Every structure is written in C-alpha cells, then in structure tokens.
Amino acid sequence: IVLVGSIFERRMNGVYHNTAVVFERDGSL
C-alpha cells in the first residue's frame, strides 16, 4: 500500500519538525 504517516522529526540538534512521511507500495520512502 501507499502509506502516509506522521513523525516528530529530529532533523538535527535543536531543529525538530512535525513531519508527514510517504511510503510507496514497496516500502520505499
């Protein structure tokens, strides 16, 4: 399936995001 999830992302020390992630049917981001 194509899947849209949501992650509290740590991009680097001190920089964080509210990030949606999208995965293809083969599991690739």
mmCIF file of all heavy atoms, coordinates in Angstrom:
data_MODEL
# 
_entry.id   MODEL 
# 
loop_
_atom_site.group_PDB 
_atom_site.id 
_atom_site.type_symbol 
_atom_site.label_atom_id 
_atom_site.label_alt_id 
_atom_site.label_comp_id 
_atom_site.label_asym_id 
_atom_site.label_entity_id 
_atom_site.label_seq_id 
_atom_site.pdbx_PDB_ins_code 
_atom_site.Cartn_x 
_atom_site.Cartn_y 
_atom_site.Cartn_z 
_atom_site.occupancy 
_atom_site.B_iso_or_equiv 
_atom_site.pdbx_formal_charge 
_atom_site.auth_seq_id 
_atom_site.auth_comp_id 
_atom_site.auth_asym_id 
_atom_site.auth_atom_id 
_atom_site.pdbx_PDB_model_num 
ATOM 1   N N   . ILE A 1 1  ? 0.843  -1.201 0.000  1.00 0.00 ? 1  ILE A N   1 
ATOM 2   C CA  . ILE A 1 1  ? 0.000  0.000  0.000  1.00 0.00 ? 1  ILE A CA  1 
ATOM 3   C C   . ILE A 1 1  ? 0.876  1.248  0.000  1.00 0.00 ? 1  ILE A C   1 
ATOM 4   O O   . ILE A 1 1  ? 2.042  1.202  0.393  1.00 0.00 ? 1  ILE A O   1 
ATOM 5   C CB  . ILE A 1 1  ? -0.918 0.042  1.241  1.00 0.00 ? 1  ILE A CB  1 
ATOM 6   C CG1 . ILE A 1 1  ? -0.083 0.003  2.531  1.00 0.00 ? 1  ILE A CG1 1 
ATOM 7   C CG2 . ILE A 1 1  ? -1.938 -1.089 1.195  1.00 0.00 ? 1  ILE A CG2 1 
ATOM 8   C CD1 . ILE A 1 1  ? -0.881 0.246  3.794  1.00 0.00 ? 1  ILE A CD1 1 
ATOM 9   N N   . VAL A 1 2  ? 0.307  2.347  -0.444 1.00 0.00 ? 2  VAL A N   1 
ATOM 10  C CA  . VAL A 1 2  ? 0.918  3.656  -0.222 1.00 0.00 ? 2  VAL A CA  1 
ATOM 11  C C   . VAL A 1 2  ? 0.434  4.128  1.142  1.00 0.00 ? 2  VAL A C   1 
ATOM 12  O O   . VAL A 1 2  ? -0.765 4.093  1.436  1.00 0.00 ? 2  VAL A O   1 
ATOM 13  C CB  . VAL A 1 2  ? 0.535  4.651  -1.333 1.00 0.00 ? 2  VAL A CB  1 
ATOM 14  C CG1 . VAL A 1 2  ? 1.084  6.042  -1.019 1.00 0.00 ? 2  VAL A CG1 1 
ATOM 15  C CG2 . VAL A 1 2  ? 1.048  4.161  -2.687 1.00 0.00 ? 2  VAL A CG2 1 
ATOM 16  N N   . LEU A 1 3  ? 1.372  4.545  1.978  1.00 0.00 ? 3  LEU A N   1 
ATOM 17  C CA  . LEU A 1 3  ? 1.066  4.867  3.375  1.00 0.00 ? 3  LEU A CA  1 
ATOM 18  C C   . LEU A 1 3  ? 1.594  6.248  3.728  1.00 0.00 ? 3  LEU A C   1 
ATOM 19  O O   . LEU A 1 3  ? 2.763  6.562  3.483  1.00 0.00 ? 3  LEU A O   1 
ATOM 20  C CB  . LEU A 1 3  ? 1.707  3.817  4.289  1.00 0.00 ? 3  LEU A CB  1 
ATOM 21  C CG  . LEU A 1 3  ? 1.563  4.007  5.804  1.00 0.00 ? 3  LEU A CG  1 
ATOM 22  C CD1 . LEU A 1 3  ? 0.097  3.975  6.216  1.00 0.00 ? 3  LEU A CD1 1 
ATOM 23  C CD2 . LEU A 1 3  ? 2.346  2.920  6.549  1.00 0.00 ? 3  LEU A CD2 1 
ATOM 24  N N   . VAL A 1 4  ? 0.719  7.070  4.324  1.00 0.00 ? 4  VAL A N   1 
ATOM 25  C CA  . VAL A 1 4  ? 1.106  8.389  4.825  1.00 0.00 ? 4  VAL A CA  1 
ATOM 26  C C   . VAL A 1 4  ? 1.088  8.339  6.345  1.00 0.00 ? 4  VAL A C   1 
ATOM 27  O O   . VAL A 1 4  ? 0.047  8.084  6.959  1.00 0.00 ? 4  VAL A O   1 
ATOM 28  C CB  . VAL A 1 4  ? 0.152  9.492  4.319  1.00 0.00 ? 4  VAL A CB  1 
ATOM 29  C CG1 . VAL A 1 4  ? 0.588  10.861 4.850  1.00 0.00 ? 4  VAL A CG1 1 
ATOM 30  C CG2 . VAL A 1 4  ? 0.106  9.501  2.789  1.00 0.00 ? 4  VAL A CG2 1 
ATOM 31  N N   . GLY A 1 5  ? 2.248  8.554  6.959  1.00 0.00 ? 5  GLY A N   1 
ATOM 32  C CA  . GLY A 1 5  ? 2.377  8.558  8.410  1.00 0.00 ? 5  GLY A CA  1 
ATOM 33  C C   . GLY A 1 5  ? 2.833  9.909  8.914  1.00 0.00 ? 5  GLY A C   1 
ATOM 34  O O   . GLY A 1 5  ? 3.017  10.859 8.137  1.00 0.00 ? 5  GLY A O   1 
ATOM 35  N N   . SER A 1 6  ? 3.025  10.009 10.223 1.00 0.00 ? 6  SER A N   1 
ATOM 36  C CA  . SER A 1 6  ? 3.379  11.289 10.847 1.00 0.00 ? 6  SER A CA  1 
ATOM 37  C C   . SER A 1 6  ? 4.417  11.051 11.932 1.00 0.00 ? 6  SER A C   1 
ATOM 38  O O   . SER A 1 6  ? 4.263  10.148 12.757 1.00 0.00 ? 6  SER A O   1 
ATOM 39  C CB  . SER A 1 6  ? 2.126  11.942 11.442 1.00 0.00 ? 6  SER A CB  1 
ATOM 40  O OG  . SER A 1 6  ? 2.437  13.161 12.084 1.00 0.00 ? 6  SER A OG  1 
ATOM 41  N N   . ILE A 1 7  ? 5.463  11.868 11.929 1.00 0.00 ? 7  ILE A N   1 
ATOM 42  C CA  . ILE A 1 7  ? 6.593  11.665 12.835 1.00 0.00 ? 7  ILE A CA  1 
ATOM 43  C C   . ILE A 1 7  ? 7.024  12.994 13.444 1.00 0.00 ? 7  ILE A C   1 
ATOM 44  O O   . ILE A 1 7  ? 7.056  14.028 12.769 1.00 0.00 ? 7  ILE A O   1 
ATOM 45  C CB  . ILE A 1 7  ? 7.769  11.017 12.074 1.00 0.00 ? 7  ILE A CB  1 
ATOM 46  C CG1 . ILE A 1 7  ? 7.415  9.571  11.709 1.00 0.00 ? 7  ILE A CG1 1 
ATOM 47  C CG2 . ILE A 1 7  ? 9.064  11.070 12.872 1.00 0.00 ? 7  ILE A CG2 1 
ATOM 48  C CD1 . ILE A 1 7  ? 8.433  8.876  10.868 1.00 0.00 ? 7  ILE A CD1 1 
ATOM 49  N N   . PHE A 1 8  ? 7.338  12.968 14.732 1.00 0.00 ? 8  PHE A N   1 
ATOM 50  C CA  . PHE A 1 8  ? 8.026  14.083 15.390 1.00 0.00 ? 8  PHE A CA  1 
ATOM 51  C C   . PHE A 1 8  ? 9.495  13.917 15.021 1.00 0.00 ? 8  PHE A C   1 
ATOM 52  O O   . PHE A 1 8  ? 10.199 13.081 15.571 1.00 0.00 ? 8  PHE A O   1 
ATOM 53  C CB  . PHE A 1 8  ? 7.796  14.004 16.896 1.00 0.00 ? 8  PHE A CB  1 
ATOM 54  C CG  . PHE A 1 8  ? 8.431  15.107 17.704 1.00 0.00 ? 8  PHE A CG  1 
ATOM 55  C CD1 . PHE A 1 8  ? 8.809  16.320 17.153 1.00 0.00 ? 8  PHE A CD1 1 
ATOM 56  C CD2 . PHE A 1 8  ? 8.648  14.917 19.075 1.00 0.00 ? 8  PHE A CD2 1 
ATOM 57  C CE1 . PHE A 1 8  ? 9.389  17.326 17.912 1.00 0.00 ? 8  PHE A CE1 1 
ATOM 58  C CE2 . PHE A 1 8  ? 9.220  15.914 19.850 1.00 0.00 ? 8  PHE A CE2 1 
ATOM 59  C CZ  . PHE A 1 8  ? 9.600  17.114 19.269 1.00 0.00 ? 8  PHE A CZ  1 
ATOM 60  N N   . GLU A 1 9  ? 9.929  14.712 14.057 1.00 0.00 ? 9  GLU A N   1 
ATOM 61  C CA  . GLU A 1 9  ? 11.249 14.510 13.439 1.00 0.00 ? 9  GLU A CA  1 
ATOM 62  C C   . GLU A 1 9  ? 12.346 15.303 14.137 1.00 0.00 ? 9  GLU A C   1 
ATOM 63  O O   . GLU A 1 9  ? 12.210 16.504 14.361 1.00 0.00 ? 9  GLU A O   1 
ATOM 64  C CB  . GLU A 1 9  ? 11.205 14.917 11.965 1.00 0.00 ? 9  GLU A CB  1 
ATOM 65  C CG  . GLU A 1 9  ? 12.549 14.730 11.262 1.00 0.00 ? 9  GLU A CG  1 
ATOM 66  C CD  . GLU A 1 9  ? 12.641 15.406 9.905  1.00 0.00 ? 9  GLU A CD  1 
ATOM 67  O OE1 . GLU A 1 9  ? 11.676 16.089 9.501  1.00 0.00 ? 9  GLU A OE1 1 
ATOM 68  O OE2 . GLU A 1 9  ? 13.693 15.264 9.247  1.00 0.00 ? 9  GLU A OE2 1 
ATOM 69  N N   . ARG A 1 10 ? 13.449 14.620 14.430 1.00 0.00 ? 10 ARG A N   1 
ATOM 70  C CA  . ARG A 1 10 ? 14.675 15.289 14.860 1.00 0.00 ? 10 ARG A CA  1 
ATOM 71  C C   . ARG A 1 10 ? 15.570 15.433 13.640 1.00 0.00 ? 10 ARG A C   1 
ATOM 72  O O   . ARG A 1 10 ? 16.190 14.490 13.178 1.00 0.00 ? 10 ARG A O   1 
ATOM 73  C CB  . ARG A 1 10 ? 15.400 14.472 15.931 1.00 0.00 ? 10 ARG A CB  1 
ATOM 74  C CG  . ARG A 1 10 ? 16.656 15.170 16.454 1.00 0.00 ? 10 ARG A CG  1 
ATOM 75  C CD  . ARG A 1 10 ? 17.465 14.250 17.360 1.00 0.00 ? 10 ARG A CD  1 
ATOM 76  N NE  . ARG A 1 10 ? 18.588 14.943 17.983 1.00 0.00 ? 10 ARG A NE  1 
ATOM 77  C CZ  . ARG A 1 10 ? 19.765 15.180 17.391 1.00 0.00 ? 10 ARG A CZ  1 
ATOM 78  N NH1 . ARG A 1 10 ? 19.972 14.768 16.134 1.00 0.00 ? 10 ARG A NH1 1 
ATOM 79  N NH2 . ARG A 1 10 ? 20.725 15.825 18.029 1.00 0.00 ? 10 ARG A NH2 1 
ATOM 80  N N   . ARG A 1 11 ? 15.592 16.648 13.082 1.00 0.00 ? 11 ARG A N   1 
ATOM 81  C CA  . ARG A 1 11 ? 16.393 16.894 11.877 1.00 0.00 ? 11 ARG A CA  1 
ATOM 82  C C   . ARG A 1 11 ? 17.863 17.065 12.214 1.00 0.00 ? 11 ARG A C   1 
ATOM 83  O O   . ARG A 1 11 ? 18.743 16.598 11.505 1.00 0.00 ? 11 ARG A O   1 
ATOM 84  C CB  . ARG A 1 11 ? 15.861 18.133 11.160 1.00 0.00 ? 11 ARG A CB  1 
ATOM 85  C CG  . ARG A 1 11 ? 16.445 18.369 9.785  1.00 0.00 ? 11 ARG A CG  1 
ATOM 86  C CD  . ARG A 1 11 ? 15.736 19.535 9.130  1.00 0.00 ? 11 ARG A CD  1 
ATOM 87  N NE  . ARG A 1 11 ? 16.194 19.814 7.784  1.00 0.00 ? 11 ARG A NE  1 
ATOM 88  C CZ  . ARG A 1 11 ? 15.759 20.832 7.046  1.00 0.00 ? 11 ARG A CZ  1 
ATOM 89  N NH1 . ARG A 1 11 ? 14.814 21.640 7.540  1.00 0.00 ? 11 ARG A NH1 1 
ATOM 90  N NH2 . ARG A 1 11 ? 16.225 21.027 5.832  1.00 0.00 ? 11 ARG A NH2 1 
ATOM 91  N N   . MET A 1 12 ? 18.110 17.763 13.306 1.00 0.00 ? 12 MET A N   1 
ATOM 92  C CA  . MET A 1 12 ? 19.456 17.905 13.854 1.00 0.00 ? 12 MET A CA  1 
ATOM 93  C C   . MET A 1 12 ? 19.295 18.418 15.273 1.00 0.00 ? 12 MET A C   1 
ATOM 94  O O   . MET A 1 12 ? 18.182 18.717 15.712 1.00 0.00 ? 12 MET A O   1 
ATOM 95  C CB  . MET A 1 12 ? 20.315 18.878 13.030 1.00 0.00 ? 12 MET A CB  1 
ATOM 96  C CG  . MET A 1 12 ? 19.806 20.313 13.022 1.00 0.00 ? 12 MET A CG  1 
ATOM 97  S SD  . MET A 1 12 ? 20.958 21.496 12.269 1.00 0.00 ? 12 MET A SD  1 
ATOM 98  C CE  . MET A 1 12 ? 22.310 21.481 13.443 1.00 0.00 ? 12 MET A CE  1 
ATOM 99  N N   . ASN A 1 13 ? 20.376 18.515 16.006 1.00 0.00 ? 13 ASN A N   1 
ATOM 100 C CA  . ASN A 1 13 ? 20.319 19.018 17.370 1.00 0.00 ? 13 ASN A CA  1 
ATOM 101 C C   . ASN A 1 13 ? 19.687 20.407 17.399 1.00 0.00 ? 13 ASN A C   1 
ATOM 102 O O   . ASN A 1 13 ? 20.212 21.346 16.810 1.00 0.00 ? 13 ASN A O   1 
ATOM 103 C CB  . ASN A 1 13 ? 21.729 19.059 17.964 1.00 0.00 ? 13 ASN A CB  1 
ATOM 104 C CG  . ASN A 1 13 ? 21.725 19.444 19.431 1.00 0.00 ? 13 ASN A CG  1 
ATOM 105 O OD1 . ASN A 1 13 ? 20.735 19.244 20.118 1.00 0.00 ? 13 ASN A OD1 1 
ATOM 106 N ND2 . ASN A 1 13 ? 22.827 20.003 19.904 1.00 0.00 ? 13 ASN A ND2 1 
ATOM 107 N N   . GLY A 1 14 ? 18.542 20.525 18.053 1.00 0.00 ? 14 GLY A N   1 
ATOM 108 C CA  . GLY A 1 14 ? 17.872 21.816 18.186 1.00 0.00 ? 14 GLY A CA  1 
ATOM 109 C C   . GLY A 1 14 ? 16.899 22.149 17.080 1.00 0.00 ? 14 GLY A C   1 
ATOM 110 O O   . GLY A 1 14 ? 16.240 23.193 17.143 1.00 0.00 ? 14 GLY A O   1 
ATOM 111 N N   . VAL A 1 15 ? 16.780 21.300 16.056 1.00 0.00 ? 15 VAL A N   1 
ATOM 112 C CA  . VAL A 1 15 ? 15.842 21.551 14.959 1.00 0.00 ? 15 VAL A CA  1 
ATOM 113 C C   . VAL A 1 15 ? 14.938 20.335 14.815 1.00 0.00 ? 15 VAL A C   1 
ATOM 114 O O   . VAL A 1 15 ? 15.395 19.244 14.447 1.00 0.00 ? 15 VAL A O   1 
ATOM 115 C CB  . VAL A 1 15 ? 16.564 21.832 13.629 1.00 0.00 ? 15 VAL A CB  1 
ATOM 116 C CG1 . VAL A 1 15 ? 15.547 22.054 12.504 1.00 0.00 ? 15 VAL A CG1 1 
ATOM 117 C CG2 . VAL A 1 15 ? 17.469 23.053 13.761 1.00 0.00 ? 15 VAL A CG2 1 
ATOM 118 N N   . TYR A 1 16 ? 13.657 20.543 15.125 1.00 0.00 ? 16 TYR A N   1 
ATOM 119 C CA  . TYR A 1 16 ? 12.672 19.468 15.126 1.00 0.00 ? 16 TYR A CA  1 
ATOM 120 C C   . TYR A 1 16 ? 11.490 19.886 14.258 1.00 0.00 ? 16 TYR A C   1 
ATOM 121 O O   . TYR A 1 16 ? 11.152 21.063 14.184 1.00 0.00 ? 16 TYR A O   1 
ATOM 122 C CB  . TYR A 1 16 ? 12.182 19.181 16.548 1.00 0.00 ? 16 TYR A CB  1 
ATOM 123 C CG  . TYR A 1 16 ? 13.298 18.865 17.518 1.00 0.00 ? 16 TYR A CG  1 
ATOM 124 C CD1 . TYR A 1 16 ? 14.005 19.889 18.160 1.00 0.00 ? 16 TYR A CD1 1 
ATOM 125 C CD2 . TYR A 1 16 ? 13.645 17.546 17.809 1.00 0.00 ? 16 TYR A CD2 1 
ATOM 126 C CE1 . TYR A 1 16 ? 15.023 19.597 19.054 1.00 0.00 ? 16 TYR A CE1 1 
ATOM 127 C CE2 . TYR A 1 16 ? 14.666 17.239 18.701 1.00 0.00 ? 16 TYR A CE2 1 
ATOM 128 C CZ  . TYR A 1 16 ? 15.353 18.277 19.318 1.00 0.00 ? 16 TYR A CZ  1 
ATOM 129 O OH  . TYR A 1 16 ? 16.368 17.994 20.203 1.00 0.00 ? 16 TYR A OH  1 
ATOM 130 N N   . HIS A 1 17 ? 10.869 18.908 13.627 1.00 0.00 ? 17 HIS A N   1 
ATOM 131 C CA  . HIS A 1 17 ? 9.749  19.191 12.736 1.00 0.00 ? 17 HIS A CA  1 
ATOM 132 C C   . HIS A 1 17 ? 8.573  18.268 13.017 1.00 0.00 ? 17 HIS A C   1 
ATOM 133 O O   . HIS A 1 17 ? 8.738  17.153 13.517 1.00 0.00 ? 17 HIS A O   1 
ATOM 134 C CB  . HIS A 1 17 ? 10.154 18.991 11.266 1.00 0.00 ? 17 HIS A CB  1 
ATOM 135 C CG  . HIS A 1 17 ? 11.206 19.920 10.770 1.00 0.00 ? 17 HIS A CG  1 
ATOM 136 N ND1 . HIS A 1 17 ? 10.965 21.229 10.431 1.00 0.00 ? 17 HIS A ND1 1 
ATOM 137 C CD2 . HIS A 1 17 ? 12.531 19.716 10.529 1.00 0.00 ? 17 HIS A CD2 1 
ATOM 138 C CE1 . HIS A 1 17 ? 12.084 21.797 10.011 1.00 0.00 ? 17 HIS A CE1 1 
ATOM 139 N NE2 . HIS A 1 17 ? 13.050 20.893 10.059 1.00 0.00 ? 17 HIS A NE2 1 
ATOM 140 N N   . ASN A 1 18 ? 7.404  18.731 12.614 1.00 0.00 ? 18 ASN A N   1 
ATOM 141 C CA  . ASN A 1 18 ? 6.187  17.924 12.555 1.00 0.00 ? 18 ASN A CA  1 
ATOM 142 C C   . ASN A 1 18 ? 6.094  17.455 11.105 1.00 0.00 ? 18 ASN A C   1 
ATOM 143 O O   . ASN A 1 18 ? 5.728  18.230 10.219 1.00 0.00 ? 18 ASN A O   1 
ATOM 144 C CB  . ASN A 1 18 ? 4.986  18.780 12.955 1.00 0.00 ? 18 ASN A CB  1 
ATOM 145 C CG  . ASN A 1 18 ? 3.703  18.001 13.059 1.00 0.00 ? 18 ASN A CG  1 
ATOM 146 O OD1 . ASN A 1 18 ? 3.515  16.996 12.398 1.00 0.00 ? 18 ASN A OD1 1 
ATOM 147 N ND2 . ASN A 1 18 ? 2.796  18.494 13.885 1.00 0.00 ? 18 ASN A ND2 1 
ATOM 148 N N   . THR A 1 19 ? 6.421  16.201 10.857 1.00 0.00 ? 19 THR A N   1 
ATOM 149 C CA  . THR A 1 19 ? 6.713  15.747 9.503  1.00 0.00 ? 19 THR A CA  1 
ATOM 150 C C   . THR A 1 19 ? 5.817  14.592 9.076  1.00 0.00 ? 19 THR A C   1 
ATOM 151 O O   . THR A 1 19 ? 5.691  13.591 9.782  1.00 0.00 ? 19 THR A O   1 
ATOM 152 C CB  . THR A 1 19 ? 8.189  15.305 9.410  1.00 0.00 ? 19 THR A CB  1 
ATOM 153 O OG1 . THR A 1 19 ? 9.030  16.407 9.784  1.00 0.00 ? 19 THR A OG1 1 
ATOM 154 C CG2 . THR A 1 19 ? 8.543  14.855 8.002  1.00 0.00 ? 19 THR A CG2 1 
ATOM 155 N N   . ALA A 1 20 ? 5.206  14.744 7.905  1.00 0.00 ? 20 ALA A N   1 
ATOM 156 C CA  . ALA A 1 20 ? 4.486  13.643 7.274  1.00 0.00 ? 20 ALA A CA  1 
ATOM 157 C C   . ALA A 1 20 ? 5.451  12.882 6.378  1.00 0.00 ? 20 ALA A C   1 
ATOM 158 O O   . ALA A 1 20 ? 6.266  13.484 5.668  1.00 0.00 ? 20 ALA A O   1 
ATOM 159 C CB  . ALA A 1 20 ? 3.312  14.176 6.452  1.00 0.00 ? 20 ALA A CB  1 
ATOM 160 N N   . VAL A 1 21 ? 5.369  11.557 6.429  1.00 0.00 ? 21 VAL A N   1 
ATOM 161 C CA  . VAL A 1 21 ? 6.223  10.689 5.617  1.00 0.00 ? 21 VAL A CA  1 
ATOM 162 C C   . VAL A 1 21 ? 5.339  9.866  4.688  1.00 0.00 ? 21 VAL A C   1 
ATOM 163 O O   . VAL A 1 21 ? 4.255  9.426  5.078  1.00 0.00 ? 21 VAL A O   1 
ATOM 164 C CB  . VAL A 1 21 ? 7.092  9.768  6.497  1.00 0.00 ? 21 VAL A CB  1 
ATOM 165 C CG1 . VAL A 1 21 ? 8.201  10.556 7.171  1.00 0.00 ? 21 VAL A CG1 1 
ATOM 166 C CG2 . VAL A 1 21 ? 6.256  9.053  7.565  1.00 0.00 ? 21 VAL A CG2 1 
ATOM 167 N N   . VAL A 1 22 ? 5.799  9.663  3.468  1.00 0.00 ? 22 VAL A N   1 
ATOM 168 C CA  . VAL A 1 22 ? 5.012  8.924  2.472  1.00 0.00 ? 22 VAL A CA  1 
ATOM 169 C C   . VAL A 1 22 ? 5.833  7.748  1.968  1.00 0.00 ? 22 VAL A C   1 
ATOM 170 O O   . VAL A 1 22 ? 6.959  7.931  1.479  1.00 0.00 ? 22 VAL A O   1 
ATOM 171 C CB  . VAL A 1 22 ? 4.598  9.832  1.300  1.00 0.00 ? 22 VAL A CB  1 
ATOM 172 C CG1 . VAL A 1 22 ? 3.781  9.041  0.275  1.00 0.00 ? 22 VAL A CG1 1 
ATOM 173 C CG2 . VAL A 1 22 ? 3.814  11.038 1.799  1.00 0.00 ? 22 VAL A CG2 1 
ATOM 174 N N   . PHE A 1 23 ? 5.255  6.556  2.078  1.00 0.00 ? 23 PHE A N   1 
ATOM 175 C CA  . PHE A 1 23 ? 5.922  5.330  1.653  1.00 0.00 ? 23 PHE A CA  1 
ATOM 176 C C   . PHE A 1 23 ? 5.185  4.721  0.467  1.00 0.00 ? 23 PHE A C   1 
ATOM 177 O O   . PHE A 1 23 ? 3.950  4.665  0.440  1.00 0.00 ? 23 PHE A O   1 
ATOM 178 C CB  . PHE A 1 23 ? 5.978  4.317  2.802  1.00 0.00 ? 23 PHE A CB  1 
ATOM 179 C CG  . PHE A 1 23 ? 6.775  4.812  3.971  1.00 0.00 ? 23 PHE A CG  1 
ATOM 180 C CD1 . PHE A 1 23 ? 6.143  5.441  5.043  1.00 0.00 ? 23 PHE A CD1 1 
ATOM 181 C CD2 . PHE A 1 23 ? 8.157  4.690  3.995  1.00 0.00 ? 23 PHE A CD2 1 
ATOM 182 C CE1 . PHE A 1 23 ? 6.878  5.925  6.112  1.00 0.00 ? 23 PHE A CE1 1 
ATOM 183 C CE2 . PHE A 1 23 ? 8.892  5.181  5.059  1.00 0.00 ? 23 PHE A CE2 1 
ATOM 184 C CZ  . PHE A 1 23 ? 8.264  5.801  6.115  1.00 0.00 ? 23 PHE A CZ  1 
ATOM 185 N N   . GLU A 1 24 ? 5.976  4.241  -0.478 1.00 0.00 ? 24 GLU A N   1 
ATOM 186 C CA  . GLU A 1 24 ? 5.428  3.585  -1.661 1.00 0.00 ? 24 GLU A CA  1 
ATOM 187 C C   . GLU A 1 24 ? 5.074  2.137  -1.343 1.00 0.00 ? 24 GLU A C   1 
ATOM 188 O O   . GLU A 1 24 ? 5.376  1.618  -0.267 1.00 0.00 ? 24 GLU A O   1 
ATOM 189 C CB  . GLU A 1 24 ? 6.454  3.686  -2.798 1.00 0.00 ? 24 GLU A CB  1 
ATOM 190 C CG  . GLU A 1 24 ? 6.018  3.257  -4.174 1.00 0.00 ? 24 GLU A CG  1 
ATOM 191 C CD  . GLU A 1 24 ? 4.689  3.829  -4.628 1.00 0.00 ? 24 GLU A CD  1 
ATOM 192 O OE1 . GLU A 1 24 ? 4.659  4.917  -5.252 1.00 0.00 ? 24 GLU A OE1 1 
ATOM 193 O OE2 . GLU A 1 24 ? 3.670  3.145  -4.368 1.00 0.00 ? 24 GLU A OE2 1 
ATOM 194 N N   . ARG A 1 25 ? 4.456  1.454  -2.301 1.00 0.00 ? 25 ARG A N   1 
ATOM 195 C CA  . ARG A 1 25 ? 3.992  0.088  -2.099 1.00 0.00 ? 25 ARG A CA  1 
ATOM 196 C C   . ARG A 1 25 ? 5.121  -0.908 -1.854 1.00 0.00 ? 25 ARG A C   1 
ATOM 197 O O   . ARG A 1 25 ? 4.885  -1.977 -1.302 1.00 0.00 ? 25 ARG A O   1 
ATOM 198 C CB  . ARG A 1 25 ? 3.155  -0.367 -3.304 1.00 0.00 ? 25 ARG A CB  1 
ATOM 199 C CG  . ARG A 1 25 ? 1.818  0.365  -3.397 1.00 0.00 ? 25 ARG A CG  1 
ATOM 200 C CD  . ARG A 1 25 ? 0.986  -0.107 -4.562 1.00 0.00 ? 25 ARG A CD  1 
ATOM 201 N NE  . ARG A 1 25 ? 1.591  0.269  -5.829 1.00 0.00 ? 25 ARG A NE  1 
ATOM 202 C CZ  . ARG A 1 25 ? 1.033  0.012  -7.017 1.00 0.00 ? 25 ARG A CZ  1 
ATOM 203 N NH1 . ARG A 1 25 ? -0.136 -0.622 -7.076 1.00 0.00 ? 25 ARG A NH1 1 
ATOM 204 N NH2 . ARG A 1 25 ? 1.616  0.390  -8.130 1.00 0.00 ? 25 ARG A NH2 1 
ATOM 205 N N   . ASP A 1 26 ? 6.333  -0.551 -2.267 1.00 0.00 ? 26 ASP A N   1 
ATOM 206 C CA  . ASP A 1 26 ? 7.478  -1.423 -1.985 1.00 0.00 ? 26 ASP A CA  1 
ATOM 207 C C   . ASP A 1 26 ? 8.174  -1.060 -0.673 1.00 0.00 ? 26 ASP A C   1 
ATOM 208 O O   . ASP A 1 26 ? 9.210  -1.634 -0.335 1.00 0.00 ? 26 ASP A O   1 
ATOM 209 C CB  . ASP A 1 26 ? 8.486  -1.384 -3.135 1.00 0.00 ? 26 ASP A CB  1 
ATOM 210 C CG  . ASP A 1 26 ? 9.070  0.016  -3.363 1.00 0.00 ? 26 ASP A CG  1 
ATOM 211 O OD1 . ASP A 1 26 ? 8.695  0.967  -2.616 1.00 0.00 ? 26 ASP A OD1 1 
ATOM 212 O OD2 . ASP A 1 26 ? 9.896  0.165  -4.276 1.00 0.00 ? 26 ASP A OD2 1 
ATOM 213 N N   . GLY A 1 27 ? 7.608  -0.119 0.069  1.00 0.00 ? 27 GLY A N   1 
ATOM 214 C CA  . GLY A 1 27 ? 8.175  0.294  1.345  1.00 0.00 ? 27 GLY A CA  1 
ATOM 215 C C   . GLY A 1 27 ? 9.180  1.420  1.257  1.00 0.00 ? 27 GLY A C   1 
ATOM 216 O O   . GLY A 1 27 ? 9.660  1.896  2.292  1.00 0.00 ? 27 GLY A O   1 
ATOM 217 N N   . SER A 1 28 ? 9.510  1.875  0.055  1.00 0.00 ? 28 SER A N   1 
ATOM 218 C CA  . SER A 1 28 ? 10.483 2.959  -0.075 1.00 0.00 ? 28 SER A CA  1 
ATOM 219 C C   . SER A 1 28 ? 9.873  4.291  0.353  1.00 0.00 ? 28 SER A C   1 
ATOM 220 O O   . SER A 1 28 ? 8.685  4.545  0.148  1.00 0.00 ? 28 SER A O   1 
ATOM 221 C CB  . SER A 1 28 ? 10.984 3.052  -1.517 1.00 0.00 ? 28 SER A CB  1 
ATOM 222 O OG  . SER A 1 28 ? 9.905  3.311  -2.404 1.00 0.00 ? 28 SER A OG  1 
ATOM 223 N N   . LEU A 1 29 ? 10.705 5.129  0.954  1.00 0.00 ? 29 LEU A N   1 
ATOM 224 C CA  . LEU A 1 29 ? 10.292 6.480  1.334  1.00 0.00 ? 29 LEU A CA  1 
ATOM 225 C C   . LEU A 1 29 ? 10.354 7.352  0.083  1.00 0.00 ? 29 LEU A C   1 
ATOM 226 O O   . LEU A 1 29 ? 11.441 7.582  -0.473 1.00 0.00 ? 29 LEU A O   1 
ATOM 227 C CB  . LEU A 1 29 ? 11.209 7.036  2.424  1.00 0.00 ? 29 LEU A CB  1 
ATOM 228 C CG  . LEU A 1 29 ? 10.924 8.461  2.891  1.00 0.00 ? 29 LEU A CG  1 
ATOM 229 C CD1 . LEU A 1 29 ? 9.583  8.558  3.594  1.00 0.00 ? 29 LEU A CD1 1 
ATOM 230 C CD2 . LEU A 1 29 ? 12.043 8.956  3.820  1.00 0.00 ? 29 LEU A CD2 1 
# 
